[in-house]
C-alpha cells in the first residue's frame, strides 16, 4: 500500500460522509475501496491506494487496508484511525457499521487529484445507498474477480478485460511493475 495515512483517512471520511451509513459495514467498505481503485485504473490507468487486492469469498479486498480496518474495529482506542472513524454494533445484528468522526473538509479534498475526486464521487453515487449484497454481487461480475481463484492476488491488469476499461492492459501491467 503506497497511500499516505492522511489520504487513507480522508477516503474513509469521504465514504463515511457520502454513503448511507446504515449499510456501511466492513465488507461494503472493502468493496468501495475496490471500486475506487479499479474504476480509477480503468479510466485513468492508475489505482488510488496501490493496495494489494486478494480474492476472498465476499469479493476482492485491499489487503493492508482490511488489516487496518480490522484492527480499528477490534480496538479503536489504540488504532491510528481513532481520530477518523468509529464502529458501532447493534445487538442482534451481525454488521459492524463504520461511522465518520467528522466531516470531509477542504483540507481533506486537497489530498486528491481531480480524477481521484471524480471517481470517489462516482463510487458513492453508484454504490452509496446500496446494501452489502448488491455491491458484493457487483464486484463478483468484474473480470478481476472472475479471473482469479480464491485467496489469489488480483492483478490490476485484469481490469483491462472489462468492457468499461479505457486503458490498455500493457499500460496497466507496466505500471504494476513499477510499484
C-alpha atoms as a PDB file:
ATOM      1  CA  UNK A   1       0.000   0.000   0.000  1.00  0.00           C
ATOM      2  CA  UNK A   2       1.548   3.275  -1.093  1.00  0.00           C
ATOM      3  CA  UNK A   3      -1.167   5.619   0.119  1.00  0.00           C
ATOM      4  CA  UNK A   4      -0.317   8.095   2.870  1.00  0.00           C
ATOM      5  CA  UNK A   5      -2.107   7.838   6.195  1.00  0.00           C
ATOM      6  CA  UNK A   6      -3.769  11.272   5.843  1.00  0.00           C
ATOM      7  CA  UNK A   7      -5.084  10.328   2.388  1.00  0.00           C
ATOM      8  CA  UNK A   8      -6.388   6.958   3.614  1.00  0.00           C
ATOM      9  CA  UNK A   9      -8.159   8.716   6.498  1.00  0.00           C
ATOM     10  CA  UNK A  10      -9.645  11.219   4.043  1.00  0.00           C
ATOM     11  CA  UNK A  11     -11.027   8.389   1.881  1.00  0.00           C
ATOM     12  CA  UNK A  12     -12.647   6.847   4.946  1.00  0.00           C
ATOM     13  CA  UNK A  13     -14.180  10.222   5.792  1.00  0.00           C
ATOM     14  CA  UNK A  14     -15.377  10.699   2.222  1.00  0.00           C
ATOM     15  CA  UNK A  15     -17.042   7.280   2.157  1.00  0.00           C
ATOM     16  CA  UNK A  16     -18.480   7.807   5.651  1.00  0.00           C
ATOM     17  CA  UNK A  17     -19.954  11.174   4.713  1.00  0.00           C
ATOM     18  CA  UNK A  18     -21.176  10.275   1.220  1.00  0.00           C
ATOM     19  CA  UNK A  19     -22.805   6.881   1.675  1.00  0.00           C
ATOM     20  CA  UNK A  20     -25.771   5.604   3.645  1.00  0.00           C
ATOM     21  CA  UNK A  21     -24.004   4.519   6.836  1.00  0.00           C
ATOM     22  CA  UNK A  22     -26.856   2.137   7.679  1.00  0.00           C
ATOM     23  CA  UNK A  23     -25.217  -0.153   5.110  1.00  0.00           C
ATOM     24  CA  UNK A  24     -21.563   0.778   5.669  1.00  0.00           C
ATOM     25  CA  UNK A  25     -20.098  -2.315   7.275  1.00  0.00           C
ATOM     26  CA  UNK A  26     -16.597  -3.649   6.763  1.00  0.00           C
ATOM     27  CA  UNK A  27     -17.494  -5.817   3.741  1.00  0.00           C
ATOM     28  CA  UNK A  28     -19.134  -2.939   1.865  1.00  0.00           C
ATOM     29  CA  UNK A  29     -16.261  -0.642   2.829  1.00  0.00           C
ATOM     30  CA  UNK A  30     -13.759  -3.067   1.273  1.00  0.00           C
ATOM     31  CA  UNK A  31     -15.818  -3.110  -1.934  1.00  0.00           C
ATOM     32  CA  UNK A  32     -15.909   0.699  -2.032  1.00  0.00           C
ATOM     33  CA  UNK A  33     -12.104   0.677  -1.917  1.00  0.00           C
ATOM     34  CA  UNK A  34     -12.047  -1.978  -4.651  1.00  0.00           C
ATOM     35  CA  UNK A  35     -14.272   0.093  -6.924  1.00  0.00           C
ATOM     36  CA  UNK A  36     -12.287   3.250  -6.162  1.00  0.00           C
ATOM     37  CA  UNK A  37      -9.022   1.622  -7.235  1.00  0.00           C
ATOM     38  CA  UNK A  38     -10.321  -0.404 -10.159  1.00  0.00           C
ATOM     39  CA  UNK A  39     -12.585   2.319 -11.590  1.00  0.00           C
ATOM     40  CA  UNK A  40      -9.625   4.715 -11.434  1.00  0.00           C
ATOM     41  CA  UNK A  41      -7.409   2.121 -13.177  1.00  0.00           C
ATOM     42  CA  UNK A  42      -9.997   1.605 -15.913  1.00  0.00           C
ATOM     43  CA  UNK A  43     -10.468   5.300 -16.597  1.00  0.00           C
ATOM     44  CA  UNK A  44      -7.075   6.841 -15.793  1.00  0.00           C
ATOM     45  CA  UNK A  45      -4.559   3.982 -15.711  1.00  0.00           C
ATOM     46  CA  UNK A  46      -3.532   4.011 -12.036  1.00  0.00           C
ATOM     47  CA  UNK A  47      -5.067   2.966  -8.709  1.00  0.00           C
ATOM     48  CA  UNK A  48      -5.616   5.404  -5.854  1.00  0.00           C
ATOM     49  CA  UNK A  49      -4.394   3.325  -2.898  1.00  0.00           C
ATOM     50  CA  UNK A  50      -1.955   0.951  -4.645  1.00  0.00           C
ATOM     51  CA  UNK A  51      -3.006  -1.704  -2.118  1.00  0.00           C
ATOM     52  CA  UNK A  52      -2.710  -5.400  -2.988  1.00  0.00           C
ATOM     53  CA  UNK A  53      -6.123  -6.982  -3.648  1.00  0.00           C
ATOM     54  CA  UNK A  54      -6.988 -10.550  -2.722  1.00  0.00           C
ATOM     55  CA  UNK A  55      -9.861 -12.758  -3.928  1.00  0.00           C
ATOM     56  CA  UNK A  56     -11.936 -13.661  -0.858  1.00  0.00           C
ATOM     57  CA  UNK A  57     -15.364 -15.245  -0.546  1.00  0.00           C
ATOM     58  CA  UNK A  58     -17.227 -11.929  -0.321  1.00  0.00           C
ATOM     59  CA  UNK A  59     -15.241 -10.343  -3.137  1.00  0.00           C
ATOM     60  CA  UNK A  60     -11.967  -8.532  -3.663  1.00  0.00           C
ATOM     61  CA  UNK A  61     -10.415  -6.878  -0.625  1.00  0.00           C
ATOM     62  CA  UNK A  62      -7.491  -4.488  -0.215  1.00  0.00           C
ATOM     63  CA  UNK A  63      -5.118  -6.444   1.998  1.00  0.00           C
ATOM     64  CA  UNK A  64      -3.341  -3.744   4.035  1.00  0.00           C
ATOM     65  CA  UNK A  65      -6.448  -1.571   4.336  1.00  0.00           C
ATOM     66  CA  UNK A  66      -8.501  -4.540   5.556  1.00  0.00           C
ATOM     67  CA  UNK A  67      -5.898  -5.218   8.243  1.00  0.00           C
ATOM     68  CA  UNK A  68      -6.043  -1.584   9.414  1.00  0.00           C
ATOM     69  CA  UNK A  69      -9.854  -1.605   9.491  1.00  0.00           C
ATOM     70  CA  UNK A  70      -9.991  -4.960  11.319  1.00  0.00           C
ATOM     71  CA  UNK A  71      -7.528  -3.691  13.924  1.00  0.00           C
ATOM     72  CA  UNK A  72      -9.524  -0.493  14.361  1.00  0.00           C
ATOM     73  CA  UNK A  73     -12.810  -2.395  14.691  1.00  0.00           C
ATOM     74  CA  UNK A  74     -11.320  -4.582  17.431  1.00  0.00           C
ATOM     75  CA  UNK A  75      -9.656  -1.792  19.431  1.00  0.00           C
ATOM     76  CA  UNK A  76     -10.382   1.670  18.049  1.00  0.00           C
ATOM     77  CA  UNK A  77      -8.818   3.426  21.041  1.00  0.00           C
ATOM     78  CA  UNK A  78      -5.375   2.103  20.102  1.00  0.00           C
ATOM     79  CA  UNK A  79      -5.798   2.449  16.347  1.00  0.00           C
ATOM     80  CA  UNK A  80      -4.195   5.037  14.101  1.00  0.00           C
ATOM     81  CA  UNK A  81      -7.718   5.590  12.743  1.00  0.00           C
ATOM     82  CA  UNK A  82      -9.248   6.570  16.111  1.00  0.00           C
ATOM     83  CA  UNK A  83      -9.423  10.258  15.199  1.00  0.00           C
ATOM     84  CA  UNK A  84     -11.170   9.493  11.910  1.00  0.00           C
ATOM     85  CA  UNK A  85     -13.721   6.696  12.293  1.00  0.00           C
ATOM     86  CA  UNK A  86     -15.595   4.697  14.893  1.00  0.00           C
ATOM     87  CA  UNK A  87     -17.517   1.449  14.803  1.00  0.00           C
ATOM     88  CA  UNK A  88     -20.995   0.651  16.045  1.00  0.00           C
ATOM     89  CA  UNK A  89     -22.543  -2.770  16.550  1.00  0.00           C
ATOM     90  CA  UNK A  90     -26.210  -3.084  17.347  1.00  0.00           C
ATOM     91  CA  UNK A  91     -27.416  -6.029  19.426  1.00  0.00           C
ATOM     92  CA  UNK A  92     -28.856  -8.881  17.351  1.00  0.00           C
ATOM     93  CA  UNK A  93     -27.254  -7.517  14.179  1.00  0.00           C
ATOM     94  CA  UNK A  94     -24.115  -9.003  12.625  1.00  0.00           C
ATOM     95  CA  UNK A  95     -22.863  -5.931  10.789  1.00  0.00           C
ATOM     96  CA  UNK A  96     -20.373  -3.612  12.460  1.00  0.00           C
ATOM     97  CA  UNK A  97     -21.039  -0.171  10.981  1.00  0.00           C
ATOM     98  CA  UNK A  98     -18.262   2.283  10.259  1.00  0.00           C
ATOM     99  CA  UNK A  99     -19.112   5.896  11.045  1.00  0.00           C
ATOM    100  CA  UNK A 100     -17.045   9.028  10.413  1.00  0.00           C
ATOM    101  CA  UNK A 101     -15.928  11.138  13.374  1.00  0.00           C
ATOM    102  CA  UNK A 102     -16.073  14.371  11.386  1.00  0.00           C
ATOM    103  CA  UNK A 103     -16.959  15.880   8.032  1.00  0.00           C
ATOM    104  CA  UNK A 104     -14.797  15.631   4.919  1.00  0.00           C
ATOM    105  CA  UNK A 105     -13.134  19.060   4.713  1.00  0.00           C
ATOM    106  CA  UNK A 106     -11.410  21.242   2.147  1.00  0.00           C
ATOM    107  CA  UNK A 107      -8.101  20.210   3.739  1.00  0.00           C
ATOM    108  CA  UNK A 108      -9.016  16.574   3.048  1.00  0.00           C
ATOM    109  CA  UNK A 109     -10.063  17.444  -0.512  1.00  0.00           C
ATOM    110  CA  UNK A 110      -6.622  18.924  -1.247  1.00  0.00           C
ATOM    111  CA  UNK A 111      -5.038  15.478  -0.759  1.00  0.00           C
ATOM    112  CA  UNK A 112      -6.620  14.231  -4.001  1.00  0.00           C
ATOM    113  CA  UNK A 113      -6.282  14.846  -7.701  1.00  0.00           C
ATOM    114  CA  UNK A 114      -9.373  15.868  -9.647  1.00  0.00           C
ATOM    115  CA  UNK A 115      -9.533  12.377 -11.174  1.00  0.00           C
ATOM    116  CA  UNK A 116      -9.461  10.742  -7.734  1.00  0.00           C
ATOM    117  CA  UNK A 117     -12.246  13.028  -6.501  1.00  0.00           C
ATOM    118  CA  UNK A 118     -14.209  12.252  -9.667  1.00  0.00           C
ATOM    119  CA  UNK A 119     -14.003   8.507  -9.081  1.00  0.00           C
ATOM    120  CA  UNK A 120     -14.716   8.744  -5.332  1.00  0.00           C
ATOM    121  CA  UNK A 121     -17.861  10.672  -6.221  1.00  0.00           C
ATOM    122  CA  UNK A 122     -18.817   8.152  -8.876  1.00  0.00           C
ATOM    123  CA  UNK A 123     -18.316   5.227  -6.472  1.00  0.00           C
ATOM    124  CA  UNK A 124     -20.517   6.895  -3.845  1.00  0.00           C
ATOM    125  CA  UNK A 125     -23.233   7.833  -6.348  1.00  0.00           C
ATOM    126  CA  UNK A 126     -23.299   4.313  -7.751  1.00  0.00           C
ATOM    127  CA  UNK A 127     -22.985   2.293  -4.530  1.00  0.00           C
ATOM    128  CA  UNK A 128     -23.503   4.660  -1.596  1.00  0.00           C
ATOM    129  CA  UNK A 129     -27.148   3.791  -0.984  1.00  0.00           C
ATOM    130  CA  UNK A 130     -26.834   0.116  -1.895  1.00  0.00           C
ATOM    131  CA  UNK A 131     -26.639  -2.708   0.609  1.00  0.00           C
ATOM    132  CA  UNK A 132     -23.670  -5.017   1.044  1.00  0.00           C
ATOM    133  CA  UNK A 133     -25.157  -7.833  -1.043  1.00  0.00           C
ATOM    134  CA  UNK A 134     -25.653  -5.504  -4.013  1.00  0.00           C
ATOM    135  CA  UNK A 135     -22.094  -4.174  -4.033  1.00  0.00           C
ATOM    136  CA  UNK A 136     -20.652  -7.633  -3.332  1.00  0.00           C
ATOM    137  CA  UNK A 137     -22.550  -9.048  -6.327  1.00  0.00           C
ATOM    138  CA  UNK A 138     -21.360  -6.138  -8.484  1.00  0.00           C
ATOM    139  CA  UNK A 139     -17.736  -6.912  -7.593  1.00  0.00           C
ATOM    140  CA  UNK A 140     -18.312 -10.577  -8.495  1.00  0.00           C
ATOM    141  CA  UNK A 141     -19.375  -9.523 -12.018  1.00  0.00           C
ATOM    142  CA  UNK A 142     -15.991  -7.929 -12.750  1.00  0.00           C
ATOM    143  CA  UNK A 143     -13.121  -9.577 -14.607  1.00  0.00           C
ATOM    144  CA  UNK A 144     -10.636  -9.190 -11.707  1.00  0.00           C
ATOM    145  CA  UNK A 145     -12.915 -11.373  -9.545  1.00  0.00           C
ATOM    146  CA  UNK A 146     -13.996 -13.770 -12.303  1.00  0.00           C
ATOM    147  CA  UNK A 147     -10.440 -14.464 -13.475  1.00  0.00           C
ATOM    148  CA  UNK A 148      -8.795 -15.245 -10.147  1.00  0.00           C
ATOM    149  CA  UNK A 149      -9.041 -18.113  -7.704  1.00  0.00           C
ATOM    150  CA  UNK A 150      -9.918 -17.916  -4.014  1.00  0.00           C
ATOM    151  CA  UNK A 151      -7.064 -16.427  -1.931  1.00  0.00           C
ATOM    152  CA  UNK A 152      -5.170 -15.382  -5.073  1.00  0.00           C
ATOM    153  CA  UNK A 153      -3.787 -11.904  -5.530  1.00  0.00           C
ATOM    154  CA  UNK A 154      -5.820  -9.893  -8.027  1.00  0.00           C
ATOM    155  CA  UNK A 155      -3.642  -8.141 -10.615  1.00  0.00           C
ATOM    156  CA  UNK A 156      -4.790  -4.641 -11.527  1.00  0.00           C
ATOM    157  CA  UNK A 157      -4.213  -5.536 -15.199  1.00  0.00           C
ATOM    158  CA  UNK A 158      -7.293  -7.793 -15.149  1.00  0.00           C
ATOM    159  CA  UNK A 159      -9.384  -4.616 -15.142  1.00  0.00           C
ATOM    160  CA  UNK A 160      -8.493  -4.219 -18.818  1.00  0.00           C
ATOM    161  CA  UNK A 161     -10.683  -7.249 -19.611  1.00  0.00           C
ATOM    162  CA  UNK A 162     -13.838  -5.367 -18.585  1.00  0.00           C
ATOM    163  CA  UNK A 163     -15.775  -3.520 -21.276  1.00  0.00           C
ATOM    164  CA  UNK A 164     -15.674  -0.240 -19.347  1.00  0.00           C
ATOM    165  CA  UNK A 165     -11.857  -0.044 -19.326  1.00  0.00           C
ATOM    166  CA  UNK A 166     -10.291   2.751 -21.403  1.00  0.00           C
ATOM    167  CA  UNK A 167      -6.666   1.823 -20.654  1.00  0.00           C
ATOM    168  CA  UNK A 168      -4.562  -0.815 -22.434  1.00  0.00           C
ATOM    169  CA  UNK A 169      -3.670  -3.925 -20.472  1.00  0.00           C
ATOM    170  CA  UNK A 170       0.018  -3.412 -21.313  1.00  0.00           C
ATOM    171  CA  UNK A 171      -0.006   0.066 -19.780  1.00  0.00           C
ATOM    172  CA  UNK A 172      -1.520  -1.261 -16.542  1.00  0.00           C
ATOM    173  CA  UNK A 173       0.985  -4.151 -16.460  1.00  0.00           C
ATOM    174  CA  UNK A 174       3.847  -1.694 -16.897  1.00  0.00           C
ATOM    175  CA  UNK A 175       2.538   0.402 -14.021  1.00  0.00           C
ATOM    176  CA  UNK A 176       2.257  -2.735 -11.852  1.00  0.00           C
ATOM    177  CA  UNK A 177       5.943  -3.491 -12.490  1.00  0.00           C
ATOM    178  CA  UNK A 178       6.843  -0.005 -11.295  1.00  0.00           C
ATOM    179  CA  UNK A 179       5.140  -0.446  -7.945  1.00  0.00           C
END
